[in-house]
Amino acid sequence: MIKTKEEILSQLKTLWDRHPLQRLGQLLENYVFFQGERGDKTSVRLFYQQDEETLKILQERKGEKMWGEE
């Protein structure tokens, strides 16, 4: 597997472990593709976003307090 993919999967696992009740789509929308516009345009951002950008977002959000955390 390509290193970037391994890193993304590892970061997603960490994030999902913090929010186990969220479905994958919710997790991606809430924490990975949050910069896209809501509605139909969000799926366009998801489709065109490069893996490196996804990894960068995940790494930046790793230490942040997430929605619902105190």
Protein backbone atom coordinates (compact mmCIF):
# COMPACT_ATOMS: atom_id res chain seq x y z
CA MET A 1 0.00 0.00 0.00
CA ILE A 2 1.20 3.52 -0.73
CA LYS A 3 2.61 5.28 2.34
CA THR A 4 0.11 8.16 2.10
CA LYS A 5 -2.80 5.72 2.13
CA GLU A 6 -1.41 3.93 5.16
CA GLU A 7 -1.03 7.25 6.98
CA ILE A 8 -4.57 8.36 6.06
CA LEU A 9 -6.04 5.07 7.27
CA SER A 10 -4.07 5.32 10.51
CA GLN A 11 -5.26 8.90 11.10
CA LEU A 12 -8.86 7.93 10.28
CA LYS A 13 -8.68 5.06 12.77
CA THR A 14 -7.46 7.42 15.47
CA LEU A 15 -10.24 9.89 14.68
CA TRP A 16 -12.90 7.18 14.51
CA ASP A 17 -11.72 5.74 17.84
CA ARG A 18 -12.40 9.19 19.35
CA HIS A 19 -15.90 9.25 17.82
CA PRO A 20 -17.05 5.62 17.65
CA LEU A 21 -20.75 6.47 17.34
CA GLN A 22 -20.29 8.38 14.10
CA ARG A 23 -20.73 6.62 10.79
CA LEU A 24 -17.92 6.93 8.25
CA GLY A 25 -19.82 9.49 6.17
CA GLN A 26 -20.45 11.63 9.25
CA LEU A 27 -16.81 11.39 10.29
CA LEU A 28 -15.56 12.44 6.86
CA GLU A 29 -18.07 15.27 6.54
CA ASN A 30 -17.51 16.61 10.04
CA TYR A 31 -13.73 16.42 10.24
CA VAL A 32 -12.17 15.91 6.82
CA PHE A 33 -14.28 17.71 4.21
CA PHE A 34 -15.60 20.44 6.47
CA GLN A 35 -14.17 23.18 4.23
CA GLY A 36 -16.43 22.25 1.33
CA GLU A 37 -19.79 23.90 0.97
CA ARG A 38 -22.78 21.99 2.29
CA GLY A 39 -25.20 20.23 0.01
CA ASP A 40 -24.29 18.95 -3.43
CA LYS A 41 -21.04 20.93 -3.61
CA THR A 42 -19.57 19.00 -0.65
CA SER A 43 -19.44 15.78 -2.65
CA VAL A 44 -17.53 17.59 -5.38
CA ARG A 45 -14.82 18.61 -2.91
CA LEU A 46 -14.66 15.05 -1.62
CA PHE A 47 -14.22 13.72 -5.15
CA TYR A 48 -11.39 16.07 -6.15
CA GLN A 49 -9.49 16.45 -2.89
CA GLN A 50 -5.99 14.99 -3.17
CA ASP A 51 -4.80 12.39 -0.66
CA GLU A 52 -2.03 14.69 0.53
CA GLU A 53 -4.62 17.36 1.40
CA THR A 54 -6.73 14.80 3.26
CA LEU A 55 -3.68 13.66 5.24
CA LYS A 56 -2.72 17.26 6.02
CA ILE A 57 -6.23 17.98 7.35
CA LEU A 58 -6.23 14.84 9.48
CA GLN A 59 -2.81 15.65 10.92
CA GLU A 60 -3.79 19.24 11.69
CA ARG A 61 -6.99 18.15 13.44
CA LYS A 62 -5.31 15.35 15.40
CA GLY A 63 -4.63 17.47 18.48
CA GLU A 64 -7.76 19.61 18.32
CA LYS A 65 -10.73 19.26 20.56
CA MET A 66 -13.41 17.76 18.39
CA TRP A 67 -17.12 18.50 18.26
CA GLY A 68 -18.79 17.05 21.33
CA GLU A 69 -15.60 16.74 23.37
CA GLU A 70 -15.13 18.64 26.60
